Amino acid sequence: MQDMESDFEKYLIGKNINPQLFKEKEPARFKEFEQLFAQMHPKSFTAQKLYLINKIRRMYQLKK
């Protein structure tokens, strides 16, 4: 049972990205981003991946 959200999943939710959909559709990229996120400050991660985060947000937008 995986009710606990990781810090990366919480970050994605904060960026209006559906983490489950992203993980399901692009598991390799999700894992790569999750590993990078664990190694740096969230602001550094955002600065480094801003273009890709915006693209991913459009593809996997979190429905409220």
N, C-alpha and C. Protein backbone atom coordinates (compact mmCIF):
# COMPACT_ATOMS: atom_id res chain seq x y z
N MET A 1 0.84 -1.18 0.00
CA MET A 1 0.00 0.00 0.00
C MET A 1 0.89 1.24 0.00
N GLN A 2 0.61 2.16 -0.92
CA GLN A 2 1.48 3.33 -1.07
C GLN A 2 0.66 4.61 -0.88
N ASP A 3 0.23 4.85 0.36
CA ASP A 3 -0.54 6.05 0.66
C ASP A 3 0.37 7.24 0.92
N MET A 4 1.60 6.97 1.32
CA MET A 4 2.54 8.04 1.65
C MET A 4 3.12 8.60 0.35
N GLU A 5 3.00 9.92 0.21
CA GLU A 5 3.57 10.57 -0.96
C GLU A 5 5.03 10.91 -0.68
N SER A 6 5.87 10.71 -1.68
CA SER A 6 7.27 11.10 -1.53
C SER A 6 7.38 12.61 -1.62
N ASP A 7 8.53 13.14 -1.22
CA ASP A 7 8.78 14.58 -1.35
C ASP A 7 8.67 15.02 -2.80
N PHE A 8 9.14 14.16 -3.71
CA PHE A 8 9.07 14.49 -5.13
C PHE A 8 7.62 14.56 -5.60
N GLU A 9 6.80 13.63 -5.15
CA GLU A 9 5.38 13.65 -5.53
C GLU A 9 4.69 14.90 -4.97
N LYS A 10 5.03 15.28 -3.76
CA LYS A 10 4.48 16.51 -3.18
C LYS A 10 4.92 17.73 -3.98
N TYR A 11 6.17 17.71 -4.42
CA TYR A 11 6.70 18.79 -5.25
C TYR A 11 5.90 18.89 -6.55
N LEU A 12 5.66 17.74 -7.19
CA LEU A 12 4.90 17.73 -8.44
C LEU A 12 3.49 18.27 -8.24
N ILE A 13 2.85 17.88 -7.16
CA ILE A 13 1.51 18.38 -6.85
C ILE A 13 1.56 19.90 -6.69
N GLY A 14 2.59 20.39 -6.03
CA GLY A 14 2.76 21.83 -5.87
C GLY A 14 2.97 22.55 -7.20
N LYS A 15 3.46 21.83 -8.19
CA LYS A 15 3.66 22.39 -9.52
C LYS A 15 2.46 22.10 -10.43
N ASN A 16 1.38 21.61 -9.85
CA ASN A 16 0.13 21.32 -10.57
C ASN A 16 0.31 20.19 -11.60
N ILE A 17 1.14 19.20 -11.22
CA ILE A 17 1.39 18.03 -12.07
C ILE A 17 0.85 16.80 -11.34
N ASN A 18 0.14 15.95 -12.06
CA ASN A 18 -0.40 14.71 -11.51
C ASN A 18 0.74 13.68 -11.44
N PRO A 19 1.25 13.38 -10.24
CA PRO A 19 2.41 12.48 -10.15
C PRO A 19 2.09 11.05 -10.59
N GLN A 20 0.88 10.56 -10.30
CA GLN A 20 0.54 9.19 -10.69
C GLN A 20 0.48 9.04 -12.21
N LEU A 21 -0.12 10.01 -12.88
CA LEU A 21 -0.21 9.97 -14.33
C LEU A 21 1.18 10.09 -14.97
N PHE A 22 1.99 11.00 -14.46
CA PHE A 22 3.36 11.17 -14.96
C PHE A 22 4.15 9.88 -14.79
N LYS A 23 4.05 9.27 -13.62
CA LYS A 23 4.79 8.03 -13.34
C LYS A 23 4.31 6.89 -14.24
N GLU A 24 3.02 6.83 -14.48
CA GLU A 24 2.43 5.78 -15.31
C GLU A 24 2.82 5.92 -16.79
N LYS A 25 2.80 7.15 -17.29
CA LYS A 25 3.04 7.39 -18.72
C LYS A 25 4.53 7.48 -19.08
N GLU A 26 5.36 7.96 -18.15
CA GLU A 26 6.80 8.13 -18.42
C GLU A 26 7.62 7.65 -17.22
N PRO A 27 7.59 6.35 -16.96
CA PRO A 27 8.28 5.85 -15.75
C PRO A 27 9.78 6.12 -15.71
N ALA A 28 10.45 6.05 -16.85
CA ALA A 28 11.90 6.28 -16.87
C ALA A 28 12.22 7.74 -16.52
N ARG A 29 11.49 8.68 -17.12
CA ARG A 29 11.74 10.09 -16.84
C ARG A 29 11.36 10.41 -15.39
N PHE A 30 10.27 9.83 -14.92
CA PHE A 30 9.84 10.06 -13.54
C PHE A 30 10.94 9.62 -12.58
N LYS A 31 11.48 8.43 -12.80
CA LYS A 31 12.52 7.90 -11.93
C LYS A 31 13.79 8.77 -11.99
N GLU A 32 14.17 9.19 -13.19
CA GLU A 32 15.34 10.05 -13.36
C GLU A 32 15.14 11.36 -12.59
N PHE A 33 13.99 11.99 -12.76
CA PHE A 33 13.71 13.25 -12.08
C PHE A 33 13.66 13.05 -10.57
N GLU A 34 13.06 11.95 -10.13
CA GLU A 34 12.96 11.67 -8.69
C GLU A 34 14.35 11.53 -8.07
N GLN A 35 15.25 10.85 -8.77
CA GLN A 35 16.62 10.68 -8.26
C GLN A 35 17.36 12.01 -8.24
N LEU A 36 17.22 12.81 -9.28
CA LEU A 36 17.87 14.13 -9.30
C LEU A 36 17.30 15.03 -8.20
N PHE A 37 16.00 14.99 -8.02
CA PHE A 37 15.33 15.82 -7.01
C PHE A 37 15.88 15.50 -5.62
N ALA A 38 16.15 14.23 -5.36
CA ALA A 38 16.66 13.80 -4.05
C ALA A 38 18.07 14.33 -3.79
N GLN A 39 18.78 14.71 -4.84
CA GLN A 39 20.17 15.13 -4.70
C GLN A 39 20.36 16.64 -4.64
N MET A 40 19.28 17.40 -4.83
CA MET A 40 19.45 18.86 -4.85
C MET A 40 18.27 19.57 -4.21
N HIS A 41 18.45 20.84 -3.98
CA HIS A 41 17.40 21.68 -3.41
C HIS A 41 16.28 21.81 -4.44
N PRO A 42 15.01 21.84 -4.00
CA PRO A 42 13.90 21.98 -4.95
C PRO A 42 14.02 23.19 -5.88
N LYS A 43 14.53 24.32 -5.39
CA LYS A 43 14.69 25.50 -6.24
C LYS A 43 15.73 25.25 -7.33
N SER A 44 16.79 24.54 -7.00
CA SER A 44 17.81 24.21 -7.99
C SER A 44 17.24 23.26 -9.04
N PHE A 45 16.46 22.29 -8.58
CA PHE A 45 15.82 21.35 -9.50
C PHE A 45 14.89 22.10 -10.46
N THR A 46 14.09 23.01 -9.91
CA THR A 46 13.17 23.80 -10.74
C THR A 46 13.93 24.63 -11.77
N ALA A 47 15.00 25.27 -11.33
CA ALA A 47 15.79 26.10 -12.25
C ALA A 47 16.40 25.25 -13.37
N GLN A 48 16.85 24.06 -13.02
CA GLN A 48 17.50 23.18 -14.00
C GLN A 48 16.50 22.58 -14.98
N LYS A 49 15.30 22.29 -14.53
CA LYS A 49 14.32 21.55 -15.34
C LYS A 49 13.09 22.38 -15.70
N LEU A 50 13.17 23.69 -15.60
CA LEU A 50 11.99 24.54 -15.77
C LEU A 50 11.27 24.28 -17.09
N TYR A 51 11.99 24.25 -18.18
CA TYR A 51 11.36 24.02 -19.48
C TYR A 51 10.62 22.68 -19.49
N LEU A 52 11.26 21.65 -18.99
CA LEU A 52 10.64 20.32 -18.99
C LEU A 52 9.47 20.25 -18.01
N ILE A 53 9.60 20.91 -16.87
CA ILE A 53 8.49 20.92 -15.90
C ILE A 53 7.25 21.55 -16.53
N ASN A 54 7.42 22.64 -17.24
CA ASN A 54 6.28 23.29 -17.88
C ASN A 54 5.65 22.39 -18.94
N LYS A 55 6.47 21.70 -19.69
CA LYS A 55 5.97 20.77 -20.71
C LYS A 55 5.21 19.62 -20.04
N ILE A 56 5.77 19.07 -18.97
CA ILE A 56 5.13 17.97 -18.25
C ILE A 56 3.82 18.44 -17.62
N ARG A 57 3.80 19.65 -17.11
CA ARG A 57 2.57 20.20 -16.51
C ARG A 57 1.44 20.23 -17.54
N ARG A 58 1.77 20.62 -18.75
CA ARG A 58 0.74 20.68 -19.80
C ARG A 58 0.23 19.27 -20.15
N MET A 59 1.11 18.29 -20.08
CA MET A 59 0.73 16.92 -20.45
C MET A 59 -0.03 16.21 -19.32
N TYR A 60 0.36 16.46 -18.08
CA TYR A 60 -0.18 15.72 -16.93
C TYR A 60 -0.73 16.66 -15.88
N GLN A 61 -1.54 17.63 -16.30
CA GLN A 61 -2.05 18.63 -15.38
C GLN A 61 -2.92 18.00 -14.31
N LEU A 62 -2.71 18.45 -13.11
CA LEU A 62 -3.47 17.98 -11.96
C LEU A 62 -4.86 18.57 -12.01
N LYS A 63 -5.88 17.71 -12.00
CA LYS A 63 -7.26 18.16 -12.02
C LYS A 63 -7.72 18.40 -10.59
N LYS A 64 -8.26 19.58 -10.34
CA LYS A 64 -8.70 19.90 -8.96
C LYS A 64 -10.18 19.79 -8.82
